[in-house]
Amino acid sequence: MEPIIKTYSVKVVRKPGNEPITGVFYDYAEQEFEVDATSVQAALTMSHIVCTLPLRGQFVRTFINGEECFDERY
């Protein structure tokens, strides 16, 4: 029987850009971590909660187990 909860490897990439309200510039940054979740979509949701990078209007890409992941709800 396959485990219900799996460990996913997550990489969040923030592209450089300005914060839209204050104009503060944020450099390129990456953060890697693991999350335990029941699916890739659940891991994506958890990655938004766990990520500690300041994300304020910059373009963000999330990779789970090496593949870029998008929210299925949108």
Protein backbone atom coordinates (compact mmCIF):
# COMPACT_ATOMS: atom_id res chain seq x y z
CA MET A 1 0.00 0.00 0.00
CA GLU A 2 1.31 3.41 -0.99
CA PRO A 3 1.65 6.00 1.81
CA ILE A 4 -1.06 8.67 1.94
CA ILE A 5 1.34 11.45 2.90
CA LYS A 6 4.47 11.91 0.81
CA THR A 7 7.47 14.18 1.12
CA TYR A 8 7.87 16.65 -1.76
CA SER A 9 11.01 18.61 -2.64
CA VAL A 10 10.11 22.27 -3.26
CA LYS A 11 12.08 25.11 -4.84
CA VAL A 12 10.62 28.63 -4.86
CA VAL A 13 12.24 31.13 -7.24
CA ARG A 14 11.61 34.88 -6.93
CA LYS A 15 12.50 36.93 -10.01
CA PRO A 16 14.03 40.38 -9.41
CA GLY A 17 11.65 43.30 -9.38
CA ASN A 18 10.12 46.22 -7.53
CA GLU A 19 7.51 46.01 -4.82
CA PRO A 20 4.51 47.69 -6.51
CA ILE A 21 3.48 50.02 -3.67
CA THR A 22 6.77 51.21 -2.14
CA GLY A 23 9.04 50.64 -5.13
CA VAL A 24 11.60 48.74 -3.01
CA PHE A 25 13.71 46.52 -5.29
CA TYR A 26 14.09 42.83 -4.44
CA ASP A 27 16.91 40.78 -5.99
CA TYR A 28 16.64 37.31 -7.44
CA ALA A 29 16.31 34.70 -4.68
CA GLU A 30 15.67 30.99 -4.26
CA GLN A 31 14.56 28.88 -1.35
CA GLU A 32 14.55 25.08 -1.18
CA PHE A 33 12.76 22.94 1.38
CA GLU A 34 10.63 19.82 1.78
CA VAL A 35 6.96 19.58 2.68
CA ASP A 36 4.79 16.62 3.62
CA ALA A 37 1.48 16.58 1.75
CA THR A 38 -1.16 14.30 0.25
CA SER A 39 -0.72 15.57 -3.35
CA VAL A 40 1.33 17.89 -5.53
CA GLN A 41 -1.40 20.55 -5.27
CA ALA A 42 -1.41 20.25 -1.47
CA ALA A 43 2.39 20.59 -1.54
CA LEU A 44 2.03 23.76 -3.63
CA THR A 45 -0.38 25.24 -1.09
CA MET A 46 1.94 24.28 1.77
CA SER A 47 4.91 25.83 -0.06
CA HIS A 48 3.12 29.21 -0.07
CA ILE A 49 2.72 28.94 3.71
CA VAL A 50 6.24 27.66 4.49
CA CYS A 51 8.23 29.95 2.15
CA THR A 52 10.03 32.72 4.05
CA LEU A 53 11.08 34.83 1.04
CA PRO A 54 9.47 38.27 0.91
CA LEU A 55 7.10 37.96 -2.06
CA ARG A 56 5.52 41.32 -2.78
CA GLY A 57 4.43 41.57 -6.40
CA GLN A 58 7.44 39.87 -7.97
CA PHE A 59 7.12 37.00 -10.43
CA VAL A 60 7.41 33.71 -8.49
CA ARG A 61 7.91 30.21 -9.86
CA THR A 62 7.44 27.06 -7.77
CA PHE A 63 9.03 23.72 -8.65
CA ILE A 64 7.94 20.52 -6.93
CA ASN A 65 10.11 17.45 -7.43
CA GLY A 66 11.86 19.31 -10.26
CA GLU A 67 8.74 20.23 -12.26
CA GLU A 68 7.16 23.68 -12.37
CA CYS A 69 3.82 23.56 -10.61
CA PHE A 70 0.74 25.71 -11.12
CA ASP A 71 -2.40 25.99 -9.01
CA GLU A 72 -5.13 23.94 -10.70
CA ARG A 73 -7.81 26.29 -9.35
CA TYR A 74 -6.74 29.14 -11.66
